[in-house]
N, C-alpha and C. Protein backbone atom coordinates (compact mmCIF):
# COMPACT_ATOMS: atom_id res chain seq x y z
N MET A 1 115.45 107.54 42.75
CA MET A 1 115.37 108.54 43.80
C MET A 1 116.60 109.42 43.71
N PRO A 2 116.43 110.74 43.61
CA PRO A 2 117.59 111.63 43.49
C PRO A 2 118.36 111.72 44.81
N TYR A 3 119.69 111.96 44.67
CA TYR A 3 120.55 112.08 45.84
C TYR A 3 120.23 113.39 46.56
N THR A 4 120.12 113.32 47.86
CA THR A 4 119.88 114.50 48.68
C THR A 4 121.11 114.75 49.53
N PHE A 5 121.65 115.96 49.46
CA PHE A 5 122.83 116.31 50.24
C PHE A 5 122.45 116.36 51.71
N ASN A 6 123.26 115.69 52.54
CA ASN A 6 123.04 115.69 53.98
C ASN A 6 124.34 116.16 54.62
N PRO A 7 124.40 117.40 55.10
CA PRO A 7 125.66 117.94 55.62
C PRO A 7 126.20 117.20 56.84
N GLY A 8 125.41 116.42 57.52
CA GLY A 8 125.87 115.71 58.70
C GLY A 8 126.50 114.35 58.40
N VAL A 9 126.54 113.96 57.12
CA VAL A 9 127.05 112.65 56.74
C VAL A 9 128.39 112.81 56.03
N ASP A 10 129.38 112.14 56.52
CA ASP A 10 130.71 112.15 55.89
C ASP A 10 130.71 111.08 54.79
N LEU A 11 130.81 111.52 53.55
CA LEU A 11 130.76 110.60 52.41
C LEU A 11 132.04 109.79 52.28
N HIS A 12 133.10 110.15 52.98
CA HIS A 12 134.38 109.47 52.85
C HIS A 12 134.62 108.46 53.97
N MET A 13 133.61 108.22 54.78
CA MET A 13 133.76 107.22 55.84
C MET A 13 133.78 105.83 55.22
N PRO A 14 134.65 104.95 55.70
CA PRO A 14 134.66 103.59 55.15
C PRO A 14 133.41 102.84 55.56
N TYR A 15 133.05 101.88 54.71
CA TYR A 15 131.90 101.04 55.00
C TYR A 15 132.20 100.20 56.24
N GLU A 16 131.24 100.10 57.13
CA GLU A 16 131.40 99.23 58.29
C GLU A 16 130.26 98.23 58.32
N SER A 17 130.62 96.96 58.34
CA SER A 17 129.64 95.88 58.33
C SER A 17 128.80 95.91 59.59
N LYS A 18 127.53 95.66 59.42
CA LYS A 18 126.63 95.54 60.57
C LYS A 18 126.63 94.11 61.09
N ILE A 19 127.17 93.18 60.30
CA ILE A 19 127.20 91.77 60.67
C ILE A 19 128.39 91.46 61.57
N ARG A 20 129.54 91.95 61.18
CA ARG A 20 130.78 91.64 61.89
C ARG A 20 131.54 92.94 62.13
N PRO A 21 131.98 93.21 63.35
CA PRO A 21 132.72 94.45 63.60
C PRO A 21 134.07 94.45 62.88
N HIS A 22 134.52 95.64 62.52
CA HIS A 22 135.80 95.79 61.83
C HIS A 22 136.94 95.39 62.76
N ASN A 23 137.87 94.62 62.22
CA ASN A 23 139.05 94.20 62.97
C ASN A 23 140.27 94.72 62.21
N ALA A 24 140.93 95.72 62.77
CA ALA A 24 142.05 96.36 62.08
C ALA A 24 143.23 95.42 61.87
N ASP A 25 143.29 94.33 62.61
CA ASP A 25 144.40 93.38 62.47
C ASP A 25 144.25 92.53 61.21
N ARG A 26 143.04 92.44 60.66
CA ARG A 26 142.82 91.59 59.49
C ARG A 26 143.26 92.31 58.22
N VAL A 27 144.00 91.58 57.39
CA VAL A 27 144.49 92.12 56.13
C VAL A 27 144.15 91.15 55.00
N THR A 28 143.98 91.69 53.81
CA THR A 28 143.69 90.86 52.65
C THR A 28 144.99 90.30 52.10
N LYS A 29 144.99 89.00 51.89
CA LYS A 29 146.16 88.31 51.34
C LYS A 29 145.71 87.42 50.20
N ASN A 30 146.58 87.26 49.22
CA ASN A 30 146.37 86.30 48.14
C ASN A 30 147.31 85.14 48.37
N THR A 31 146.81 83.95 48.16
CA THR A 31 147.63 82.75 48.29
C THR A 31 147.14 81.74 47.28
N THR A 32 147.93 80.72 47.04
CA THR A 32 147.48 79.65 46.16
C THR A 32 147.31 78.39 47.00
N ILE A 33 146.16 77.77 46.85
CA ILE A 33 145.90 76.52 47.57
C ILE A 33 145.16 75.56 46.65
N SER A 34 145.13 74.33 47.05
CA SER A 34 144.49 73.27 46.28
C SER A 34 143.00 73.58 46.09
N ARG A 35 142.57 73.51 44.84
CA ARG A 35 141.16 73.75 44.53
C ARG A 35 140.27 72.74 45.26
N SER A 36 140.66 71.48 45.28
CA SER A 36 139.82 70.46 45.92
C SER A 36 139.72 70.69 47.43
N LEU A 37 140.84 71.09 48.07
CA LEU A 37 140.77 71.38 49.51
C LEU A 37 139.88 72.60 49.76
N LEU A 38 140.01 73.61 48.92
CA LEU A 38 139.20 74.81 49.07
C LEU A 38 137.71 74.48 48.93
N GLU A 39 137.38 73.67 47.93
CA GLU A 39 135.98 73.28 47.74
C GLU A 39 135.44 72.51 48.96
N GLN A 40 136.27 71.62 49.51
CA GLN A 40 135.83 70.83 50.66
C GLN A 40 135.61 71.71 51.90
N ILE A 41 136.52 72.65 52.13
CA ILE A 41 136.37 73.49 53.32
C ILE A 41 135.21 74.47 53.15
N LYS A 42 134.93 74.87 51.92
CA LYS A 42 133.77 75.73 51.68
C LYS A 42 132.47 74.98 51.97
N ILE A 43 132.42 73.69 51.63
CA ILE A 43 131.24 72.88 51.93
C ILE A 43 131.05 72.79 53.44
N ILE A 44 132.14 72.57 54.17
CA ILE A 44 132.07 72.51 55.64
C ILE A 44 131.56 73.84 56.19
N ALA A 45 132.11 74.95 55.68
CA ALA A 45 131.70 76.27 56.14
C ALA A 45 130.20 76.47 55.91
N ASN A 46 129.73 76.06 54.75
CA ASN A 46 128.32 76.22 54.42
C ASN A 46 127.44 75.31 55.28
N ASN A 47 127.81 74.04 55.37
CA ASN A 47 127.00 73.08 56.13
C ASN A 47 126.94 73.41 57.62
N ASP A 48 128.07 73.86 58.18
CA ASP A 48 128.13 74.14 59.61
C ASP A 48 127.85 75.61 59.93
N GLN A 49 127.56 76.40 58.90
CA GLN A 49 127.29 77.83 59.08
C GLN A 49 128.42 78.52 59.85
N VAL A 50 129.66 78.23 59.42
CA VAL A 50 130.85 78.82 60.01
C VAL A 50 131.54 79.63 58.91
N PRO A 51 131.95 80.86 59.18
CA PRO A 51 132.65 81.63 58.15
C PRO A 51 133.92 80.91 57.69
N LEU A 52 134.17 80.94 56.39
CA LEU A 52 135.36 80.31 55.82
C LEU A 52 136.62 80.85 56.49
N ASN A 53 136.70 82.15 56.70
CA ASN A 53 137.89 82.74 57.32
C ASN A 53 138.12 82.19 58.72
N GLN A 54 137.06 81.89 59.44
CA GLN A 54 137.19 81.31 60.78
C GLN A 54 137.82 79.92 60.68
N LEU A 55 137.40 79.14 59.70
CA LEU A 55 137.98 77.80 59.51
C LEU A 55 139.45 77.90 59.09
N LEU A 56 139.77 78.87 58.23
CA LEU A 56 141.16 79.05 57.82
C LEU A 56 142.02 79.48 59.00
N SER A 57 141.48 80.31 59.85
CA SER A 57 142.19 80.73 61.06
C SER A 57 142.44 79.54 61.98
N GLU A 58 141.44 78.69 62.10
CA GLU A 58 141.58 77.49 62.91
C GLU A 58 142.64 76.55 62.31
N ALA A 59 142.67 76.48 60.99
CA ALA A 59 143.66 75.65 60.29
C ALA A 59 145.08 76.18 60.56
N ILE A 60 145.24 77.48 60.52
CA ILE A 60 146.55 78.09 60.77
C ILE A 60 146.96 77.87 62.22
N ASP A 61 146.02 78.03 63.14
CA ASP A 61 146.32 77.79 64.56
C ASP A 61 146.79 76.35 64.77
N TYR A 62 146.14 75.40 64.11
CA TYR A 62 146.55 73.99 64.22
C TYR A 62 148.00 73.82 63.78
N VAL A 63 148.35 74.39 62.65
CA VAL A 63 149.72 74.27 62.13
C VAL A 63 150.71 74.91 63.08
N LEU A 64 150.38 76.10 63.59
CA LEU A 64 151.29 76.80 64.50
C LEU A 64 151.48 76.02 65.80
N ASP A 65 150.42 75.37 66.26
CA ASP A 65 150.51 74.58 67.51
C ASP A 65 151.21 73.24 67.31
N THR A 66 151.11 72.68 66.12
CA THR A 66 151.58 71.31 65.88
C THR A 66 153.01 71.23 65.38
N TYR A 67 153.37 72.10 64.46
CA TYR A 67 154.68 72.01 63.80
C TYR A 67 155.57 73.17 64.21
N LYS A 68 156.56 72.85 65.05
CA LYS A 68 157.44 73.90 65.56
C LYS A 68 158.88 73.74 65.09
N LYS A 69 159.28 72.51 64.78
CA LYS A 69 160.67 72.24 64.38
C LYS A 69 160.68 71.50 63.05
N PRO A 70 161.71 71.71 62.24
CA PRO A 70 161.77 71.05 60.93
C PRO A 70 161.63 69.53 61.00
N LYS A 71 162.16 68.91 62.04
CA LYS A 71 162.06 67.44 62.11
C LYS A 71 160.63 66.97 62.36
N GLU A 72 159.74 67.86 62.80
CA GLU A 72 158.34 67.51 63.07
C GLU A 72 157.47 67.60 61.80
N PHE A 73 158.01 68.17 60.74
CA PHE A 73 157.20 68.46 59.56
C PHE A 73 157.82 67.85 58.31
N LYS A 74 157.01 67.12 57.58
CA LYS A 74 157.42 66.60 56.27
C LYS A 74 156.46 67.19 55.25
N ALA A 75 156.98 68.00 54.36
CA ALA A 75 156.13 68.67 53.38
C ALA A 75 155.44 67.65 52.48
N PRO A 76 154.13 67.81 52.31
CA PRO A 76 153.41 66.91 51.40
C PRO A 76 153.74 67.25 49.95
N THR A 77 153.35 66.36 49.06
CA THR A 77 153.52 66.61 47.63
C THR A 77 152.68 67.81 47.24
N LYS A 78 153.26 68.68 46.42
CA LYS A 78 152.55 69.88 45.99
C LYS A 78 151.35 69.49 45.12
N PRO A 79 150.15 69.96 45.48
CA PRO A 79 148.97 69.63 44.67
C PRO A 79 149.08 70.24 43.28
N LYS A 80 148.55 69.55 42.30
CA LYS A 80 148.59 70.05 40.92
C LYS A 80 147.39 70.95 40.60
N ASP A 81 146.44 71.03 41.54
CA ASP A 81 145.23 71.80 41.27
C ASP A 81 145.19 73.14 42.01
N ARG A 82 146.34 73.69 42.30
CA ARG A 82 146.37 74.96 43.05
C ARG A 82 145.77 76.10 42.24
N ILE A 83 145.00 76.91 42.95
CA ILE A 83 144.42 78.12 42.36
C ILE A 83 144.69 79.28 43.31
N GLN A 84 144.63 80.48 42.77
CA GLN A 84 144.83 81.65 43.61
C GLN A 84 143.52 82.03 44.27
N MET A 85 143.62 82.37 45.55
CA MET A 85 142.44 82.85 46.27
C MET A 85 142.84 84.03 47.13
N GLY A 86 141.92 84.93 47.33
CA GLY A 86 142.14 86.06 48.20
C GLY A 86 141.21 85.96 49.39
N THR A 87 141.72 86.25 50.55
CA THR A 87 140.89 86.23 51.75
C THR A 87 141.54 87.13 52.79
N THR A 88 140.89 87.30 53.91
CA THR A 88 141.47 88.12 54.96
C THR A 88 141.97 87.22 56.08
N PHE A 89 143.12 87.56 56.59
CA PHE A 89 143.74 86.85 57.70
C PHE A 89 144.07 87.87 58.78
N SER A 90 144.23 87.38 59.99
CA SER A 90 144.82 88.21 61.03
C SER A 90 146.26 88.46 60.61
N ASN A 91 146.67 89.70 60.56
CA ASN A 91 148.04 90.01 60.14
C ASN A 91 149.05 89.37 61.07
N ALA A 92 148.80 89.42 62.37
CA ALA A 92 149.73 88.83 63.34
C ALA A 92 149.83 87.32 63.12
N GLN A 93 148.69 86.67 62.92
CA GLN A 93 148.67 85.22 62.71
C GLN A 93 149.39 84.87 61.40
N TYR A 94 149.16 85.64 60.35
CA TYR A 94 149.78 85.36 59.06
C TYR A 94 151.29 85.56 59.12
N GLU A 95 151.74 86.56 59.85
CA GLU A 95 153.18 86.78 60.01
C GLU A 95 153.82 85.61 60.77
N LEU A 96 153.13 85.11 61.80
CA LEU A 96 153.62 83.92 62.51
C LEU A 96 153.70 82.72 61.57
N LEU A 97 152.69 82.58 60.71
CA LEU A 97 152.66 81.47 59.76
C LEU A 97 153.84 81.58 58.78
N LYS A 98 154.09 82.77 58.25
CA LYS A 98 155.21 82.95 57.31
C LYS A 98 156.54 82.64 58.00
N ASP A 99 156.69 83.08 59.24
CA ASP A 99 157.92 82.80 59.99
C ASP A 99 158.07 81.30 60.21
N ARG A 100 156.97 80.62 60.55
CA ARG A 100 157.02 79.18 60.77
C ARG A 100 157.36 78.47 59.47
N ALA A 101 156.82 78.93 58.36
CA ALA A 101 157.11 78.31 57.06
C ALA A 101 158.61 78.42 56.75
N ARG A 102 159.20 79.56 57.04
CA ARG A 102 160.65 79.73 56.83
C ARG A 102 161.43 78.75 57.69
N ARG A 103 161.03 78.61 58.95
CA ARG A 103 161.75 77.70 59.86
C ARG A 103 161.57 76.23 59.47
N LEU A 104 160.46 75.91 58.83
CA LEU A 104 160.20 74.53 58.42
C LEU A 104 160.65 74.27 56.98
N ASN A 105 161.26 75.26 56.35
CA ASN A 105 161.74 75.15 54.97
C ASN A 105 160.61 74.80 53.99
N THR A 106 159.51 75.51 54.12
CA THR A 106 158.37 75.31 53.23
C THR A 106 157.73 76.66 52.95
N HIS A 107 156.52 76.64 52.44
CA HIS A 107 155.80 77.88 52.11
C HIS A 107 154.53 77.99 52.94
N ALA A 108 154.08 79.22 53.15
CA ALA A 108 152.88 79.46 53.94
C ALA A 108 151.67 78.74 53.34
N ASN A 109 151.54 78.74 52.01
CA ASN A 109 150.37 78.10 51.42
C ASN A 109 150.38 76.59 51.65
N THR A 110 151.56 75.99 51.71
CA THR A 110 151.65 74.55 52.02
C THR A 110 151.14 74.30 53.43
N LEU A 111 151.54 75.16 54.36
CA LEU A 111 151.07 75.00 55.75
C LEU A 111 149.57 75.22 55.86
N ILE A 112 149.04 76.16 55.08
CA ILE A 112 147.59 76.38 55.09
C ILE A 112 146.89 75.12 54.60
N GLU A 113 147.41 74.50 53.56
CA GLU A 113 146.81 73.26 53.05
C GLU A 113 146.85 72.15 54.08
N VAL A 114 147.96 72.03 54.79
CA VAL A 114 148.06 71.01 55.86
C VAL A 114 147.00 71.29 56.93
N GLY A 115 146.84 72.55 57.28
CA GLY A 115 145.82 72.92 58.26
C GLY A 115 144.42 72.64 57.76
N ILE A 116 144.17 72.90 56.48
CA ILE A 116 142.84 72.63 55.90
C ILE A 116 142.55 71.13 55.94
N GLU A 117 143.55 70.32 55.64
CA GLU A 117 143.35 68.87 55.71
C GLU A 117 142.94 68.45 57.13
N PHE A 118 143.56 69.07 58.14
CA PHE A 118 143.18 68.79 59.53
C PHE A 118 141.72 69.18 59.78
N ILE A 119 141.33 70.36 59.32
CA ILE A 119 139.96 70.84 59.52
C ILE A 119 138.96 69.90 58.85
N ILE A 120 139.28 69.47 57.63
CA ILE A 120 138.38 68.57 56.90
C ILE A 120 138.18 67.28 57.70
N LYS A 121 139.27 66.70 58.20
CA LYS A 121 139.15 65.47 58.99
C LYS A 121 138.38 65.71 60.28
N LYS A 122 138.66 66.83 60.94
CA LYS A 122 137.99 67.15 62.20
C LYS A 122 136.48 67.29 62.01
N TYR A 123 136.06 68.01 60.98
CA TYR A 123 134.63 68.24 60.78
C TYR A 123 133.93 67.02 60.19
N GLN A 124 134.65 66.19 59.43
CA GLN A 124 134.05 64.97 58.93
C GLN A 124 133.78 64.00 60.08
N ASN A 125 134.65 64.01 61.08
CA ASN A 125 134.49 63.10 62.21
C ASN A 125 133.31 63.49 63.11
N HIS A 126 132.91 64.75 63.08
CA HIS A 126 131.81 65.14 63.98
C HIS A 126 130.51 65.46 63.23
N SER A 127 130.53 65.31 61.91
CA SER A 127 129.29 65.59 61.17
C SER A 127 128.37 64.37 61.22
N PHE A 128 127.13 64.61 61.05
CA PHE A 128 126.02 63.67 61.08
C PHE A 128 126.51 62.29 61.37
């Protein structure tokens, strides 16, 4: 089908999802996390029909609520299966996470992994 010029349509407008409204606070970030944890949380997202980003946000909220002081946090052993992944996070939430990681003498991706482990346990306890 040939393209038809429509003077009332702005061709430079960004795409807007009809499924989920645009949230200007969300930004794309790359991080490295354990492949096995990522696979497990993706299975949970699929089985429970919950967006992966929503579970990651919940994982970050858990970490922010639970670990506030260095004495409360002991960094786990760094996984050997880390891979790079890109996803969108709330910019405000991610900045809080980075600040918390600095205060806990660790990295944001480590805290994300700790949060993912919490989510995996939480959803395993309430599944079938």
